[in-house]
């Protein structure tokens, strides 16, 4: 019966992970904004004709990886505006009513054991449901980050190529 703490710990860990995943979207959005800003800046400058085609190809690839990343960020954060449906425990009042009904039917020790078993079952069911949602969200976030990494790498390559072409032409 003391192991009910273990069930509570796992349940609350998944709830905490939910909020961590909600907050983890900020940095990828910031990086995508930075990537877009760099490309806008590069195209606002006069790009030498020797690297114009390569620059357009790299920008197109960055745009593709950006769309890929945005797709998975949106899927991770809001499940395409359908939101993720997390399972919560029942209200304290319903637990109290259930416990009181058990106490009326059984002796105290039996009622306590049955109530603890009920709580464990509730914690376990909620945790499993929330765990599955969080795993899917983490996988989508990882896919989005990989797309951001490729896009950022191509953007850095574009910027370095642009800087080298300016140095060579001067």
C-alpha atoms as a PDB file:
ATOM      1  CA  UNK A   1       0.000   0.000   0.000  1.00  0.00           C
ATOM      2  CA  UNK A   2       2.953   2.320   0.459  1.00  0.00           C
ATOM      3  CA  UNK A   3       3.727   1.917  -3.233  1.00  0.00           C
ATOM      4  CA  UNK A   4       0.818   4.211  -4.081  1.00  0.00           C
ATOM      5  CA  UNK A   5       3.456   6.953  -3.939  1.00  0.00           C
ATOM      6  CA  UNK A   6       5.145   5.334  -6.928  1.00  0.00           C
ATOM      7  CA  UNK A   7       1.909   5.535  -8.916  1.00  0.00           C
ATOM      8  CA  UNK A   8       1.425   9.166  -7.929  1.00  0.00           C
ATOM      9  CA  UNK A   9       4.993  10.003  -8.876  1.00  0.00           C
ATOM     10  CA  UNK A  10       4.630   8.523 -12.351  1.00  0.00           C
ATOM     11  CA  UNK A  11       1.268  10.224 -12.861  1.00  0.00           C
ATOM     12  CA  UNK A  12       2.604  13.651 -11.897  1.00  0.00           C
ATOM     13  CA  UNK A  13       5.760  13.125 -13.938  1.00  0.00           C
ATOM     14  CA  UNK A  14       3.637  12.753 -17.082  1.00  0.00           C
ATOM     15  CA  UNK A  15       1.631  15.854 -16.171  1.00  0.00           C
ATOM     16  CA  UNK A  16       4.876  17.794 -15.692  1.00  0.00           C
ATOM     17  CA  UNK A  17       6.186  16.455 -18.993  1.00  0.00           C
ATOM     18  CA  UNK A  18       3.036  17.790 -20.640  1.00  0.00           C
ATOM     19  CA  UNK A  19       3.855  21.336 -19.550  1.00  0.00           C
ATOM     20  CA  UNK A  20       7.517  20.915 -20.497  1.00  0.00           C
ATOM     21  CA  UNK A  21       6.442  19.883 -23.994  1.00  0.00           C
ATOM     22  CA  UNK A  22       4.099  22.863 -24.190  1.00  0.00           C
ATOM     23  CA  UNK A  23       6.998  25.176 -23.314  1.00  0.00           C
ATOM     24  CA  UNK A  24       9.555  23.455 -25.542  1.00  0.00           C
ATOM     25  CA  UNK A  25       8.084  24.939 -28.713  1.00  0.00           C
ATOM     26  CA  UNK A  26       9.485  28.421 -28.027  1.00  0.00           C
ATOM     27  CA  UNK A  27      13.108  27.818 -29.018  1.00  0.00           C
ATOM     28  CA  UNK A  28      12.333  26.000 -32.303  1.00  0.00           C
ATOM     29  CA  UNK A  29      10.006  28.859 -33.315  1.00  0.00           C
ATOM     30  CA  UNK A  30      12.758  31.359 -32.477  1.00  0.00           C
ATOM     31  CA  UNK A  31      15.286  29.423 -34.578  1.00  0.00           C
ATOM     32  CA  UNK A  32      12.891  29.199 -37.531  1.00  0.00           C
ATOM     33  CA  UNK A  33      12.322  32.964 -37.266  1.00  0.00           C
ATOM     34  CA  UNK A  34      16.083  33.492 -37.285  1.00  0.00           C
ATOM     35  CA  UNK A  35      16.485  31.302 -40.355  1.00  0.00           C
ATOM     36  CA  UNK A  36      13.802  33.240 -42.209  1.00  0.00           C
ATOM     37  CA  UNK A  37      15.411  36.535 -41.157  1.00  0.00           C
ATOM     38  CA  UNK A  38      18.810  35.457 -42.469  1.00  0.00           C
ATOM     39  CA  UNK A  39      17.325  34.485 -45.832  1.00  0.00           C
ATOM     40  CA  UNK A  40      15.389  37.731 -46.075  1.00  0.00           C
ATOM     41  CA  UNK A  41      18.577  39.646 -45.302  1.00  0.00           C
ATOM     42  CA  UNK A  42      20.593  37.691 -47.868  1.00  0.00           C
ATOM     43  CA  UNK A  43      18.039  38.351 -50.588  1.00  0.00           C
ATOM     44  CA  UNK A  44      17.812  42.026 -49.686  1.00  0.00           C
ATOM     45  CA  UNK A  45      21.521  42.267 -50.543  1.00  0.00           C
ATOM     46  CA  UNK A  46      22.964  42.038 -54.001  1.00  0.00           C
ATOM     47  CA  UNK A  47      23.844  38.384 -54.449  1.00  0.00           C
ATOM     48  CA  UNK A  48      26.671  37.764 -56.918  1.00  0.00           C
ATOM     49  CA  UNK A  49      25.462  35.969 -60.026  1.00  0.00           C
ATOM     50  CA  UNK A  50      28.078  33.244 -59.529  1.00  0.00           C
ATOM     51  CA  UNK A  51      26.255  31.953 -56.423  1.00  0.00           C
ATOM     52  CA  UNK A  52      22.688  33.041 -57.228  1.00  0.00           C
ATOM     53  CA  UNK A  53      21.518  29.632 -58.468  1.00  0.00           C
ATOM     54  CA  UNK A  54      23.155  27.798 -55.565  1.00  0.00           C
ATOM     55  CA  UNK A  55      21.644  30.296 -53.149  1.00  0.00           C
ATOM     56  CA  UNK A  56      18.169  29.784 -54.585  1.00  0.00           C
ATOM     57  CA  UNK A  57      18.520  25.997 -54.339  1.00  0.00           C
ATOM     58  CA  UNK A  58      19.710  26.211 -50.738  1.00  0.00           C
ATOM     59  CA  UNK A  59      16.864  28.588 -49.883  1.00  0.00           C
ATOM     60  CA  UNK A  60      14.357  26.233 -51.485  1.00  0.00           C
ATOM     61  CA  UNK A  61      15.750  23.311 -49.457  1.00  0.00           C
ATOM     62  CA  UNK A  62      15.644  25.425 -46.279  1.00  0.00           C
ATOM     63  CA  UNK A  63      12.054  26.325 -47.032  1.00  0.00           C
ATOM     64  CA  UNK A  64      11.226  22.627 -47.468  1.00  0.00           C
ATOM     65  CA  UNK A  65      12.870  21.692 -44.174  1.00  0.00           C
ATOM     66  CA  UNK A  66      11.135  24.660 -42.542  1.00  0.00           C
ATOM     67  CA  UNK A  67       7.722  23.438 -43.715  1.00  0.00           C
ATOM     68  CA  UNK A  68       8.623  19.935 -42.506  1.00  0.00           C
ATOM     69  CA  UNK A  69       9.620  21.333 -39.098  1.00  0.00           C
ATOM     70  CA  UNK A  70       6.583  23.566 -38.821  1.00  0.00           C
ATOM     71  CA  UNK A  71       4.318  20.602 -39.630  1.00  0.00           C
ATOM     72  CA  UNK A  72       5.780  18.523 -36.799  1.00  0.00           C
ATOM     73  CA  UNK A  73       5.864  21.458 -34.378  1.00  0.00           C
ATOM     74  CA  UNK A  74       2.186  22.042 -35.023  1.00  0.00           C
ATOM     75  CA  UNK A  75       1.492  18.332 -34.616  1.00  0.00           C
ATOM     76  CA  UNK A  76       3.468  18.198 -31.361  1.00  0.00           C
ATOM     77  CA  UNK A  77       2.006  21.344 -29.877  1.00  0.00           C
ATOM     78  CA  UNK A  78      -1.655  21.251 -30.838  1.00  0.00           C
ATOM     79  CA  UNK A  79      -2.301  18.031 -32.761  1.00  0.00           C
ATOM     80  CA  UNK A  80      -3.512  20.155 -35.688  1.00  0.00           C
ATOM     81  CA  UNK A  81      -5.840  22.294 -33.592  1.00  0.00           C
ATOM     82  CA  UNK A  82      -7.651  19.262 -32.160  1.00  0.00           C
ATOM     83  CA  UNK A  83      -5.516  19.472 -29.036  1.00  0.00           C
ATOM     84  CA  UNK A  84      -4.195  16.545 -27.091  1.00  0.00           C
ATOM     85  CA  UNK A  85      -6.730  15.064 -24.706  1.00  0.00           C
ATOM     86  CA  UNK A  86      -4.973  14.308 -21.461  1.00  0.00           C
ATOM     87  CA  UNK A  87      -6.680  12.196 -18.864  1.00  0.00           C
ATOM     88  CA  UNK A  88      -7.036  13.706 -15.412  1.00  0.00           C
ATOM     89  CA  UNK A  89      -8.005  12.141 -12.124  1.00  0.00           C
ATOM     90  CA  UNK A  90     -11.560  12.472 -10.897  1.00  0.00           C
ATOM     91  CA  UNK A  91     -12.465  15.293  -8.551  1.00  0.00           C
ATOM     92  CA  UNK A  92     -11.629  14.967  -4.882  1.00  0.00           C
ATOM     93  CA  UNK A  93     -15.326  14.967  -4.075  1.00  0.00           C
ATOM     94  CA  UNK A  94     -15.930  11.842  -6.161  1.00  0.00           C
ATOM     95  CA  UNK A  95     -12.992  10.117  -4.432  1.00  0.00           C
ATOM     96  CA  UNK A  96     -14.422  11.064  -1.061  1.00  0.00           C
ATOM     97  CA  UNK A  97     -17.866   9.718  -1.980  1.00  0.00           C
ATOM     98  CA  UNK A  98     -16.339   6.465  -3.234  1.00  0.00           C
ATOM     99  CA  UNK A  99     -14.251   6.074  -0.080  1.00  0.00           C
ATOM    100  CA  UNK A 100     -17.274   6.751   2.147  1.00  0.00           C
ATOM    101  CA  UNK A 101     -19.369   4.213   0.252  1.00  0.00           C
ATOM    102  CA  UNK A 102     -16.611   1.624   0.752  1.00  0.00           C
ATOM    103  CA  UNK A 103     -16.451   2.417   4.472  1.00  0.00           C
ATOM    104  CA  UNK A 104     -20.211   1.871   4.747  1.00  0.00           C
ATOM    105  CA  UNK A 105     -19.993  -1.535   3.023  1.00  0.00           C
ATOM    106  CA  UNK A 106     -16.756  -2.958   4.475  1.00  0.00           C
ATOM    107  CA  UNK A 107     -14.658  -2.820   7.582  1.00  0.00           C
ATOM    108  CA  UNK A 108     -12.008  -0.109   7.693  1.00  0.00           C
ATOM    109  CA  UNK A 109      -8.989  -2.228   6.704  1.00  0.00           C
ATOM    110  CA  UNK A 110     -10.770  -3.835   3.733  1.00  0.00           C
ATOM    111  CA  UNK A 111     -12.194  -0.489   2.629  1.00  0.00           C
ATOM    112  CA  UNK A 112      -8.773   1.160   2.832  1.00  0.00           C
ATOM    113  CA  UNK A 113      -7.159  -1.605   0.764  1.00  0.00           C
ATOM    114  CA  UNK A 114      -9.946  -1.474  -1.831  1.00  0.00           C
ATOM    115  CA  UNK A 115      -9.720   2.321  -1.991  1.00  0.00           C
ATOM    116  CA  UNK A 116      -5.922   2.183  -2.384  1.00  0.00           C
ATOM    117  CA  UNK A 117      -6.313  -0.374  -5.169  1.00  0.00           C
ATOM    118  CA  UNK A 118      -8.856   1.909  -6.847  1.00  0.00           C
ATOM    119  CA  UNK A 119      -6.460   4.887  -6.594  1.00  0.00           C
ATOM    120  CA  UNK A 120      -3.602   2.827  -8.025  1.00  0.00           C
ATOM    121  CA  UNK A 121      -5.805   1.755 -10.923  1.00  0.00           C
ATOM    122  CA  UNK A 122      -6.817   5.373 -11.605  1.00  0.00           C
ATOM    123  CA  UNK A 123      -3.223   6.614 -11.430  1.00  0.00           C
ATOM    124  CA  UNK A 124      -2.048   3.796 -13.702  1.00  0.00           C
ATOM    125  CA  UNK A 125      -4.781   4.342 -16.321  1.00  0.00           C
ATOM    126  CA  UNK A 126      -4.282   8.109 -16.411  1.00  0.00           C
ATOM    127  CA  UNK A 127      -0.509   7.717 -16.532  1.00  0.00           C
ATOM    128  CA  UNK A 128      -0.602   5.225 -19.394  1.00  0.00           C
ATOM    129  CA  UNK A 129      -2.923   7.404 -21.461  1.00  0.00           C
ATOM    130  CA  UNK A 130      -0.859  10.548 -20.827  1.00  0.00           C
ATOM    131  CA  UNK A 131       2.400   8.664 -21.425  1.00  0.00           C
ATOM    132  CA  UNK A 132       1.269   7.612 -24.893  1.00  0.00           C
ATOM    133  CA  UNK A 133       0.347  11.183 -25.771  1.00  0.00           C
ATOM    134  CA  UNK A 134       3.653  12.539 -24.457  1.00  0.00           C
ATOM    135  CA  UNK A 135       5.687   9.937 -26.351  1.00  0.00           C
ATOM    136  CA  UNK A 136       3.972  10.935 -29.594  1.00  0.00           C
ATOM    137  CA  UNK A 137       4.553  14.607 -28.860  1.00  0.00           C
ATOM    138  CA  UNK A 138       8.241  14.006 -28.096  1.00  0.00           C
ATOM    139  CA  UNK A 139       8.684  12.055 -31.335  1.00  0.00           C
ATOM    140  CA  UNK A 140       7.065  14.850 -33.331  1.00  0.00           C
ATOM    141  CA  UNK A 141       9.223  17.441 -31.581  1.00  0.00           C
ATOM    142  CA  UNK A 142      12.350  15.405 -32.386  1.00  0.00           C
ATOM    143  CA  UNK A 143      11.360  15.274 -36.061  1.00  0.00           C
ATOM    144  CA  UNK A 144      10.785  19.021 -36.053  1.00  0.00           C
ATOM    145  CA  UNK A 145      14.189  19.617 -34.479  1.00  0.00           C
ATOM    146  CA  UNK A 146      15.904  17.462 -37.079  1.00  0.00           C
ATOM    147  CA  UNK A 147      14.294  19.536 -39.840  1.00  0.00           C
ATOM    148  CA  UNK A 148      15.387  22.714 -38.070  1.00  0.00           C
ATOM    149  CA  UNK A 149      18.929  21.366 -37.806  1.00  0.00           C
ATOM    150  CA  UNK A 150      19.106  20.685 -41.557  1.00  0.00           C
ATOM    151  CA  UNK A 151      17.578  24.050 -42.352  1.00  0.00           C
ATOM    152  CA  UNK A 152      19.954  25.844 -40.012  1.00  0.00           C
ATOM    153  CA  UNK A 153      22.936  23.997 -41.509  1.00  0.00           C
ATOM    154  CA  UNK A 154      21.916  24.981 -45.034  1.00  0.00           C
ATOM    155  CA  UNK A 155      21.315  28.561 -43.911  1.00  0.00           C
ATOM    156  CA  UNK A 156      24.761  28.775 -42.360  1.00  0.00           C
ATOM    157  CA  UNK A 157      26.254  27.320 -45.531  1.00  0.00           C
ATOM    158  CA  UNK A 158      24.359  29.942 -47.573  1.00  0.00           C
ATOM    159  CA  UNK A 159      25.564  32.758 -45.334  1.00  0.00           C
ATOM    160  CA  UNK A 160      29.174  31.561 -45.421  1.00  0.00           C
ATOM    161  CA  UNK A 161      29.038  31.190 -49.196  1.00  0.00           C
ATOM    162  CA  UNK A 162      27.647  34.711 -49.487  1.00  0.00           C
ATOM    163  CA  UNK A 163      30.347  36.158 -47.233  1.00  0.00           C
ATOM    164  CA  UNK A 164      33.101  34.330 -49.131  1.00  0.00           C
ATOM    165  CA  UNK A 165      31.724  35.575 -52.468  1.00  0.00           C
ATOM    166  CA  UNK A 166      31.745  39.168 -51.166  1.00  0.00           C
ATOM    167  CA  UNK A 167      35.348  38.808 -49.982  1.00  0.00           C
ATOM    168  CA  UNK A 168      36.459  37.329 -53.316  1.00  0.00           C
ATOM    169  CA  UNK A 169      34.732  39.998 -55.426  1.00  0.00           C
ATOM    170  CA  UNK A 170      36.272  42.890 -53.494  1.00  0.00           C
END
